[in-house]
Amino acid sequence: MTTGIVAARAPDPVGHFPHARKVGNLLFLSGIGPRKKGTKEIPGVRLASDGSVASHDIEAQCRSVFENVRAVLEESGSGWERLVDVTVFLTDMKGDFPAYNRLWAEYFAKDPPCRTTVEVRSLPTPIAIELKCIATVE
């Protein structure tokens, strides 16, 4: 078994797991969300008084999650261009997919990785998007 990788530039995992694990020339990332490092802040989220999500800005969350994934990849010896497969979890496919898909095309203008996008009822924190990634690494 290999040692888990915890990236200093990425938000702390919300459970007992590493950000990534290298096996051979592959890098497997745990689910990465859009939280900001060192805080519980989720870009674009406005919470109601009961703690539920009152509204969210999927564009702000997409940009943040992409940067968090980039940080984990770089600190693990890989890079954005080395992503080969991404599973995307959205909590509102109908409402958020168009903006997310547009931003995906912006961030992966050339030779995008394989992608699967699924809708889930909820994620472990009040986020609207989470990415599970596989990349190559030297």
N, C-alpha and C. Protein backbone atom coordinates (compact mmCIF):
# COMPACT_ATOMS: atom_id res chain seq x y z
N MET A 1 0.84 -1.17 0.00
CA MET A 1 0.00 0.00 0.00
C MET A 1 0.89 1.24 0.00
N THR A 2 0.37 2.31 -0.53
CA THR A 2 1.11 3.56 -0.59
C THR A 2 0.66 4.50 0.51
N THR A 3 1.43 5.53 0.74
CA THR A 3 1.10 6.52 1.76
C THR A 3 0.16 7.56 1.18
N GLY A 4 -0.81 7.97 1.98
CA GLY A 4 -1.73 9.02 1.55
C GLY A 4 -1.02 10.36 1.48
N ILE A 5 -1.52 11.21 0.60
CA ILE A 5 -0.96 12.55 0.39
C ILE A 5 -1.97 13.57 0.91
N VAL A 6 -1.51 14.47 1.77
CA VAL A 6 -2.33 15.57 2.23
C VAL A 6 -1.68 16.84 1.72
N ALA A 7 -2.38 17.58 0.87
CA ALA A 7 -1.84 18.78 0.23
C ALA A 7 -1.99 19.99 1.15
N ALA A 8 -0.90 20.67 1.40
CA ALA A 8 -0.90 21.84 2.30
C ALA A 8 -1.74 22.99 1.75
N ARG A 9 -1.85 23.12 0.43
CA ARG A 9 -2.57 24.24 -0.19
C ARG A 9 -4.07 23.99 -0.33
N ALA A 10 -4.53 22.78 -0.06
CA ALA A 10 -5.94 22.44 -0.23
C ALA A 10 -6.66 22.46 1.12
N PRO A 11 -7.98 22.64 1.12
CA PRO A 11 -8.74 22.57 2.37
C PRO A 11 -8.58 21.20 3.01
N ASP A 12 -8.63 21.16 4.32
CA ASP A 12 -8.52 19.88 5.03
C ASP A 12 -9.67 18.96 4.62
N PRO A 13 -9.40 17.66 4.49
CA PRO A 13 -10.49 16.72 4.22
C PRO A 13 -11.54 16.80 5.33
N VAL A 14 -12.80 16.51 4.99
CA VAL A 14 -13.87 16.58 5.99
C VAL A 14 -14.03 15.27 6.75
N GLY A 15 -13.15 14.33 6.51
CA GLY A 15 -13.18 13.05 7.21
C GLY A 15 -11.78 12.50 7.32
N HIS A 16 -11.70 11.25 7.75
CA HIS A 16 -10.42 10.58 7.95
C HIS A 16 -9.96 9.93 6.65
N PHE A 17 -9.40 10.72 5.75
CA PHE A 17 -8.90 10.24 4.46
C PHE A 17 -7.91 11.25 3.90
N PRO A 18 -7.00 10.80 3.04
CA PRO A 18 -6.04 11.72 2.43
C PRO A 18 -6.66 12.43 1.23
N HIS A 19 -6.01 13.49 0.78
CA HIS A 19 -6.44 14.13 -0.46
C HIS A 19 -6.21 13.21 -1.65
N ALA A 20 -5.12 12.46 -1.62
CA ALA A 20 -4.77 11.63 -2.77
C ALA A 20 -3.92 10.44 -2.34
N ARG A 21 -3.81 9.50 -3.26
CA ARG A 21 -2.95 8.33 -3.05
C ARG A 21 -2.37 7.95 -4.40
N LYS A 22 -1.04 7.78 -4.42
CA LYS A 22 -0.35 7.39 -5.64
C LYS A 22 -0.19 5.87 -5.66
N VAL A 23 -0.55 5.26 -6.80
CA VAL A 23 -0.37 3.82 -7.01
C VAL A 23 0.24 3.67 -8.40
N GLY A 24 1.50 3.24 -8.45
CA GLY A 24 2.18 3.17 -9.74
C GLY A 24 2.28 4.56 -10.35
N ASN A 25 1.87 4.68 -11.61
CA ASN A 25 1.91 6.00 -12.24
C ASN A 25 0.54 6.67 -12.25
N LEU A 26 -0.35 6.21 -11.36
CA LEU A 26 -1.67 6.82 -11.26
C LEU A 26 -1.84 7.52 -9.91
N LEU A 27 -2.57 8.61 -9.94
CA LEU A 27 -2.88 9.37 -8.74
C LEU A 27 -4.39 9.39 -8.58
N PHE A 28 -4.88 8.91 -7.45
CA PHE A 28 -6.30 8.86 -7.16
C PHE A 28 -6.63 9.93 -6.13
N LEU A 29 -7.50 10.86 -6.48
CA LEU A 29 -7.90 11.91 -5.56
C LEU A 29 -9.19 11.52 -4.86
N SER A 30 -9.26 11.81 -3.56
CA SER A 30 -10.51 11.69 -2.84
C SER A 30 -11.44 12.77 -3.36
N GLY A 31 -12.71 12.71 -2.99
CA GLY A 31 -13.63 13.77 -3.39
C GLY A 31 -13.14 15.12 -2.91
N ILE A 32 -13.07 16.08 -3.82
CA ILE A 32 -12.59 17.43 -3.51
C ILE A 32 -13.74 18.41 -3.73
N GLY A 33 -13.97 19.24 -2.73
CA GLY A 33 -15.03 20.24 -2.83
C GLY A 33 -14.47 21.65 -2.96
N PRO A 34 -15.34 22.66 -2.92
CA PRO A 34 -14.92 24.04 -3.14
C PRO A 34 -14.57 24.84 -1.89
N ARG A 35 -14.51 24.21 -0.72
CA ARG A 35 -14.21 24.99 0.49
C ARG A 35 -12.88 25.72 0.36
N LYS A 36 -12.74 26.83 1.08
CA LYS A 36 -11.50 27.61 1.11
C LYS A 36 -10.58 27.06 2.19
N LYS A 37 -9.29 27.00 1.90
CA LYS A 37 -8.29 26.50 2.84
C LYS A 37 -8.32 27.29 4.14
N GLY A 38 -8.30 26.57 5.25
CA GLY A 38 -8.20 27.19 6.57
C GLY A 38 -9.50 27.75 7.13
N THR A 39 -10.60 27.58 6.39
CA THR A 39 -11.88 28.10 6.85
C THR A 39 -12.97 27.07 6.54
N LYS A 40 -14.16 27.37 6.97
CA LYS A 40 -15.32 26.56 6.58
C LYS A 40 -16.09 27.26 5.46
N GLU A 41 -15.51 28.36 4.95
CA GLU A 41 -16.16 29.15 3.90
C GLU A 41 -16.31 28.34 2.62
N ILE A 42 -17.50 28.41 2.04
CA ILE A 42 -17.78 27.79 0.76
C ILE A 42 -18.15 28.92 -0.19
N PRO A 43 -17.31 29.18 -1.18
CA PRO A 43 -17.58 30.29 -2.09
C PRO A 43 -18.98 30.20 -2.71
N GLY A 44 -19.67 31.33 -2.71
CA GLY A 44 -20.97 31.40 -3.35
C GLY A 44 -22.13 30.81 -2.58
N VAL A 45 -21.92 30.39 -1.33
CA VAL A 45 -23.02 29.79 -0.56
C VAL A 45 -23.55 30.81 0.45
N ARG A 46 -24.87 30.92 0.49
CA ARG A 46 -25.53 31.72 1.50
C ARG A 46 -26.41 30.76 2.30
N LEU A 47 -26.15 30.69 3.60
CA LEU A 47 -26.89 29.78 4.46
C LEU A 47 -28.08 30.49 5.12
N ALA A 48 -29.16 29.76 5.30
CA ALA A 48 -30.32 30.25 6.04
C ALA A 48 -30.02 30.16 7.53
N SER A 49 -30.86 30.74 8.35
CA SER A 49 -30.64 30.75 9.80
C SER A 49 -30.61 29.35 10.41
N ASP A 50 -31.26 28.38 9.76
CA ASP A 50 -31.25 27.01 10.26
C ASP A 50 -30.06 26.19 9.76
N GLY A 51 -29.17 26.83 8.99
CA GLY A 51 -27.98 26.14 8.49
C GLY A 51 -28.16 25.50 7.13
N SER A 52 -29.37 25.51 6.61
CA SER A 52 -29.59 24.96 5.27
C SER A 52 -29.11 25.96 4.21
N VAL A 53 -28.91 25.49 3.00
CA VAL A 53 -28.45 26.36 1.92
C VAL A 53 -29.62 27.19 1.41
N ALA A 54 -29.52 28.51 1.53
CA ALA A 54 -30.55 29.41 1.02
C ALA A 54 -30.34 29.64 -0.47
N SER A 55 -29.07 29.76 -0.88
CA SER A 55 -28.74 29.92 -2.30
C SER A 55 -27.27 29.58 -2.50
N HIS A 56 -26.94 29.28 -3.75
CA HIS A 56 -25.54 29.03 -4.08
C HIS A 56 -25.24 29.53 -5.48
N ASP A 57 -23.97 29.86 -5.69
CA ASP A 57 -23.47 30.33 -6.98
C ASP A 57 -22.57 29.22 -7.53
N ILE A 58 -23.08 28.46 -8.48
CA ILE A 58 -22.32 27.31 -8.98
C ILE A 58 -21.04 27.75 -9.68
N GLU A 59 -21.04 28.91 -10.29
CA GLU A 59 -19.81 29.36 -10.95
C GLU A 59 -18.70 29.58 -9.93
N ALA A 60 -19.00 30.24 -8.82
CA ALA A 60 -18.00 30.45 -7.77
C ALA A 60 -17.52 29.11 -7.21
N GLN A 61 -18.44 28.15 -7.03
CA GLN A 61 -18.04 26.85 -6.51
C GLN A 61 -17.21 26.07 -7.52
N CYS A 62 -17.55 26.14 -8.79
CA CYS A 62 -16.77 25.44 -9.81
C CYS A 62 -15.34 25.96 -9.85
N ARG A 63 -15.20 27.28 -9.89
CA ARG A 63 -13.84 27.86 -9.94
C ARG A 63 -13.03 27.45 -8.72
N SER A 64 -13.66 27.45 -7.56
CA SER A 64 -12.97 27.09 -6.33
C SER A 64 -12.59 25.60 -6.30
N VAL A 65 -13.51 24.72 -6.70
CA VAL A 65 -13.20 23.29 -6.69
C VAL A 65 -12.11 22.97 -7.71
N PHE A 66 -12.13 23.63 -8.87
CA PHE A 66 -11.08 23.39 -9.86
C PHE A 66 -9.72 23.81 -9.30
N GLU A 67 -9.67 24.93 -8.58
CA GLU A 67 -8.40 25.37 -8.00
C GLU A 67 -7.95 24.43 -6.88
N ASN A 68 -8.88 23.90 -6.09
CA ASN A 68 -8.52 22.94 -5.05
C ASN A 68 -7.96 21.65 -5.66
N VAL A 69 -8.59 21.18 -6.73
CA VAL A 69 -8.08 19.98 -7.41
C VAL A 69 -6.69 20.26 -7.96
N ARG A 70 -6.51 21.41 -8.58
CA ARG A 70 -5.20 21.78 -9.13
C ARG A 70 -4.13 21.76 -8.04
N ALA A 71 -4.45 22.29 -6.86
CA ALA A 71 -3.49 22.33 -5.75
C ALA A 71 -3.10 20.92 -5.33
N VAL A 72 -4.07 20.02 -5.20
CA VAL A 72 -3.77 18.64 -4.81
C VAL A 72 -2.92 17.96 -5.89
N LEU A 73 -3.27 18.15 -7.13
CA LEU A 73 -2.50 17.54 -8.23
C LEU A 73 -1.05 18.02 -8.20
N GLU A 74 -0.86 19.32 -8.12
CA GLU A 74 0.50 19.87 -8.15
C GLU A 74 1.32 19.43 -6.96
N GLU A 75 0.74 19.40 -5.78
CA GLU A 75 1.49 18.99 -4.60
C GLU A 75 1.75 17.48 -4.58
N SER A 76 1.05 16.76 -5.44
CA SER A 76 1.23 15.30 -5.53
C SER A 76 2.14 14.89 -6.68
N GLY A 77 2.72 15.87 -7.37
CA GLY A 77 3.63 15.57 -8.47
C GLY A 77 2.94 15.38 -9.80
N SER A 78 1.71 15.83 -9.93
CA SER A 78 0.96 15.71 -11.17
C SER A 78 0.61 17.11 -11.65
N GLY A 79 -0.45 17.24 -12.42
CA GLY A 79 -0.87 18.55 -12.90
C GLY A 79 -2.22 18.47 -13.58
N TRP A 80 -2.82 19.62 -13.78
CA TRP A 80 -4.15 19.74 -14.38
C TRP A 80 -4.22 19.00 -15.72
N GLU A 81 -3.19 19.16 -16.53
CA GLU A 81 -3.16 18.54 -17.87
C GLU A 81 -2.98 17.02 -17.81
N ARG A 82 -2.74 16.48 -16.64
CA ARG A 82 -2.53 15.03 -16.49
C ARG A 82 -3.77 14.32 -15.99
N LEU A 83 -4.86 15.04 -15.81
CA LEU A 83 -6.12 14.39 -15.44
C LEU A 83 -6.58 13.48 -16.57
N VAL A 84 -7.00 12.26 -16.22
CA VAL A 84 -7.48 11.33 -17.24
C VAL A 84 -8.95 10.99 -17.06
N ASP A 85 -9.47 11.07 -15.83
CA ASP A 85 -10.86 10.72 -15.58
C ASP A 85 -11.38 11.52 -14.39
N VAL A 86 -12.55 12.14 -14.57
CA VAL A 86 -13.14 12.95 -13.51
C VAL A 86 -14.61 12.55 -13.35
N THR A 87 -15.00 12.26 -12.11
CA THR A 87 -16.40 12.05 -11.78
C THR A 87 -16.85 13.29 -11.04
N VAL A 88 -17.92 13.90 -11.54
CA VAL A 88 -18.44 15.14 -10.97
C VAL A 88 -19.79 14.86 -10.33
N PHE A 89 -19.93 15.31 -9.09
CA PHE A 89 -21.18 15.16 -8.35
C PHE A 89 -21.81 16.55 -8.22
N LEU A 90 -23.02 16.71 -8.73
CA LEU A 90 -23.78 17.95 -8.62
C LEU A 90 -25.05 17.69 -7.80
N THR A 91 -25.43 18.66 -7.00
CA THR A 91 -26.67 18.50 -6.23
C THR A 91 -27.89 19.05 -6.97
N ASP A 92 -27.67 19.77 -8.07
CA ASP A 92 -28.78 20.32 -8.85
C ASP A 92 -28.42 20.27 -10.33
N MET A 93 -28.58 19.09 -10.93
CA MET A 93 -28.19 18.90 -12.32
C MET A 93 -28.91 19.88 -13.25
N LYS A 94 -30.21 19.98 -13.10
CA LYS A 94 -31.00 20.82 -13.99
C LYS A 94 -30.59 22.29 -13.88
N GLY A 95 -30.42 22.78 -12.67
CA GLY A 95 -30.09 24.19 -12.48
C GLY A 95 -28.63 24.54 -12.71
N ASP A 96 -27.72 23.61 -12.37
CA ASP A 96 -26.29 23.94 -12.37
C ASP A 96 -25.50 23.41 -13.56
N PHE A 97 -26.02 22.41 -14.25
CA PHE A 97 -25.23 21.79 -15.32
C PHE A 97 -24.81 22.78 -16.42
N PRO A 98 -25.68 23.67 -16.90
CA PRO A 98 -25.24 24.57 -17.98
C PRO A 98 -24.02 25.43 -17.60
N ALA A 99 -24.02 26.03 -16.42
CA ALA A 99 -22.88 26.86 -16.00
C ALA A 99 -21.65 26.00 -15.77
N TYR A 100 -21.83 24.88 -15.10
CA TYR A 100 -20.71 23.97 -14.86
C TYR A 100 -20.11 23.49 -16.18
N ASN A 101 -20.94 23.12 -17.13
CA ASN A 101 -20.45 22.62 -18.42
C ASN A 101 -19.69 23.70 -19.18
N ARG A 102 -20.16 24.94 -19.11
CA ARG A 102 -19.47 26.07 -19.75
C ARG A 102 -18.09 26.28 -19.11
N LEU A 103 -18.03 26.24 -17.79
CA LEU A 103 -16.75 26.42 -17.10
C LEU A 103 -15.81 25.25 -17.35
N TRP A 104 -16.36 24.05 -17.44
CA TRP A 104 -15.54 22.88 -17.78
C TRP A 104 -14.83 23.13 -19.11
N ALA A 105 -15.57 23.60 -20.10
CA ALA A 105 -14.99 23.87 -21.42
C ALA A 105 -13.93 24.98 -21.35
N GLU A 106 -14.11 25.93 -20.46
CA GLU A 106 -13.13 27.00 -20.27
C GLU A 106 -11.84 26.45 -19.65
N TYR A 107 -11.97 25.65 -18.62
CA TYR A 107 -10.80 25.12 -17.91
C TYR A 107 -10.11 23.99 -18.69
N PHE A 108 -10.86 23.30 -19.53
CA PHE A 108 -10.29 22.21 -20.32
C PHE A 108 -10.48 22.51 -21.81
N ALA A 109 -9.94 23.63 -22.25
CA ALA A 109 -10.12 24.07 -23.63
C ALA A 109 -9.50 23.09 -24.62
N LYS A 110 -8.43 22.43 -24.21
CA LYS A 110 -7.74 21.51 -25.10
C LYS A 110 -7.63 20.13 -24.44
N ASP A 111 -8.01 19.10 -25.15
CA ASP A 111 -7.86 17.71 -24.73
C ASP A 111 -8.38 17.43 -23.31
N PRO A 112 -9.68 17.58 -23.09
CA PRO A 112 -10.24 17.35 -21.74
C PRO A 112 -10.16 15.88 -21.34
N PRO A 113 -10.17 15.63 -20.03
CA PRO A 113 -10.18 14.25 -19.55
C PRO A 113 -11.57 13.63 -19.76
N CYS A 114 -11.66 12.33 -19.59
CA CYS A 114 -12.96 11.66 -19.57
C CYS A 114 -13.75 12.23 -18.39
N ARG A 115 -15.08 12.22 -18.51
CA ARG A 115 -15.89 12.83 -17.47
C ARG A 115 -17.22 12.10 -17.33
N THR A 116 -17.63 11.91 -16.10
CA THR A 116 -18.96 11.43 -15.77
C THR A 116 -19.55 12.42 -14.79
N THR A 117 -20.78 12.85 -15.05
CA THR A 117 -21.45 13.81 -14.16
C THR A 117 -22.74 13.18 -13.67
N VAL A 118 -22.89 13.15 -12.35
CA VAL A 118 -24.09 12.56 -11.75
C VAL A 118 -24.70 13.55 -10.75
N GLU A 119 -26.01 13.45 -10.59
CA GLU A 119 -26.68 14.25 -9.58
C GLU A 119 -26.82 13.42 -8.31
N VAL A 120 -26.54 14.05 -7.19
CA VAL A 120 -26.71 13.41 -5.88
C VAL A 120 -27.63 14.29 -5.05
N ARG A 121 -28.27 13.69 -4.09
CA ARG A 121 -29.21 14.43 -3.25
C ARG A 121 -28.48 15.45 -2.37
N SER A 122 -27.34 15.05 -1.83
CA SER A 122 -26.57 15.98 -0.99
C SER A 122 -25.13 15.51 -0.92
N LEU A 123 -24.28 16.40 -0.41
CA LEU A 123 -22.86 16.11 -0.20
C LEU A 123 -22.56 16.36 1.28
N PRO A 124 -21.41 15.92 1.79
CA PRO A 124 -21.15 15.97 3.23
C PRO A 124 -21.18 17.36 3.88
N THR A 125 -20.93 18.40 3.13
CA THR A 125 -21.04 19.76 3.64
C THR A 125 -21.99 20.50 2.70
N PRO A 126 -22.39 21.73 2.98
CA PRO A 126 -23.36 22.41 2.12
C PRO A 126 -22.74 22.92 0.80
N ILE A 127 -22.22 22.00 0.03
CA ILE A 127 -21.62 22.32 -1.26
C ILE A 127 -22.52 21.78 -2.37
N ALA A 128 -22.36 22.34 -3.56
CA ALA A 128 -23.19 21.94 -4.70
C ALA A 128 -22.41 21.10 -5.72
N ILE A 129 -21.09 20.97 -5.53
CA ILE A 129 -20.26 20.23 -6.48
C ILE A 129 -19.08 19.59 -5.75
N GLU A 130 -18.72 18.40 -6.20
CA GLU A 130 -17.53 17.70 -5.70
C GLU A 130 -16.94 16.92 -6.87
N LEU A 131 -15.61 16.86 -6.93
CA LEU A 131 -14.92 16.14 -8.01
C LEU A 131 -14.12 14.98 -7.44
N LYS A 132 -14.17 13.85 -8.11
CA LYS A 132 -13.37 12.65 -7.81
C LYS A 132 -12.52 12.42 -9.04
N CYS A 133 -11.19 12.44 -8.90
CA CYS A 133 -10.31 12.48 -10.07
C CYS A 133 -9.26 11.38 -10.06
N ILE A 134 -8.85 11.02 -11.28
CA ILE A 134 -7.70 10.14 -11.50
C ILE A 134 -6.78 10.86 -12.48
N ALA A 135 -5.49 10.89 -12.15
CA ALA A 135 -4.50 11.55 -13.01
C ALA A 135 -3.27 10.66 -13.11
N THR A 136 -2.44 10.96 -14.07
CA THR A 136 -1.15 10.28 -14.16
C THR A 136 -0.13 11.10 -13.38
N VAL A 137 0.92 10.42 -12.96
CA VAL A 137 1.99 11.06 -12.19
C VAL A 137 3.28 10.33 -12.51
N GLU A 138 4.38 11.03 -12.40
CA GLU A 138 5.69 10.41 -12.69
C GLU A 138 6.14 9.58 -11.50
